[in-house]
Amino acid sequence: MHGVGVMVWMVTPFLVAILAMQTVKFSLLVNYLIPTD
């Protein structure tokens, strides 16, 4: 159980970074397809 906790603790920042990159890419795509000016 302790080993699993350490693994989750180490993997979580990578998942957060990937999620953030996907969100940024999606927002850029939306801004490209739907000009907001």
C-alpha atoms as a PDB file:
ATOM      1  CA  MET A   1       0.000   0.000   0.000  1.00  0.00           C
ATOM      2  CA  HIS A   2       2.835   2.385   0.828  1.00  0.00           C
ATOM      3  CA  GLY A   3       4.526   1.647  -2.497  1.00  0.00           C
ATOM      4  CA  VAL A   4       1.295   2.346  -4.375  1.00  0.00           C
ATOM      5  CA  GLY A   5       0.907   5.654  -2.528  1.00  0.00           C
ATOM      6  CA  VAL A   6       4.439   6.713  -3.509  1.00  0.00           C
ATOM      7  CA  MET A   7       3.794   5.716  -7.135  1.00  0.00           C
ATOM      8  CA  VAL A   8       0.554   7.725  -7.244  1.00  0.00           C
ATOM      9  CA  TRP A   9       2.320  10.689  -5.617  1.00  0.00           C
ATOM     10  CA  MET A  10       5.038  10.582  -8.306  1.00  0.00           C
ATOM     11  CA  VAL A  11       2.660  10.076 -11.257  1.00  0.00           C
ATOM     12  CA  THR A  12       0.092  12.732 -10.289  1.00  0.00           C
ATOM     13  CA  PRO A  13       2.224  15.772 -11.370  1.00  0.00           C
ATOM     14  CA  PHE A  14       2.696  14.205 -14.820  1.00  0.00           C
ATOM     15  CA  LEU A  15      -1.052  13.641 -15.176  1.00  0.00           C
ATOM     16  CA  VAL A  16      -1.729  17.234 -14.095  1.00  0.00           C
ATOM     17  CA  ALA A  17       0.817  18.536 -16.619  1.00  0.00           C
ATOM     18  CA  ILE A  18      -0.677  16.441 -19.432  1.00  0.00           C
ATOM     19  CA  LEU A  19      -4.187  17.603 -18.539  1.00  0.00           C
ATOM     20  CA  ALA A  20      -3.030  21.231 -18.502  1.00  0.00           C
ATOM     21  CA  MET A  21      -1.375  20.864 -21.920  1.00  0.00           C
ATOM     22  CA  GLN A  22      -4.533  19.288 -23.367  1.00  0.00           C
ATOM     23  CA  THR A  23      -6.620  22.138 -21.941  1.00  0.00           C
ATOM     24  CA  VAL A  24      -4.287  24.759 -23.439  1.00  0.00           C
ATOM     25  CA  LYS A  25      -4.307  23.015 -26.826  1.00  0.00           C
ATOM     26  CA  PHE A  26      -8.101  22.808 -26.781  1.00  0.00           C
ATOM     27  CA  SER A  27      -8.506  26.479 -25.871  1.00  0.00           C
ATOM     28  CA  LEU A  28      -6.056  27.486 -28.614  1.00  0.00           C
ATOM     29  CA  LEU A  29      -8.001  25.374 -31.110  1.00  0.00           C
ATOM     30  CA  VAL A  30     -11.284  26.978 -30.026  1.00  0.00           C
ATOM     31  CA  ASN A  31      -9.752  30.452 -30.328  1.00  0.00           C
ATOM     32  CA  TYR A  32      -8.510  29.552 -33.823  1.00  0.00           C
ATOM     33  CA  LEU A  33     -11.857  28.168 -35.000  1.00  0.00           C
ATOM     34  CA  ILE A  34     -14.004  30.824 -33.303  1.00  0.00           C
ATOM     35  CA  PRO A  35     -12.362  34.257 -33.552  1.00  0.00           C
ATOM     36  CA  THR A  36     -13.396  36.370 -30.585  1.00  0.00           C
ATOM     37  CA  ASP A  37     -12.956  39.947 -31.726  1.00  0.00           C
END
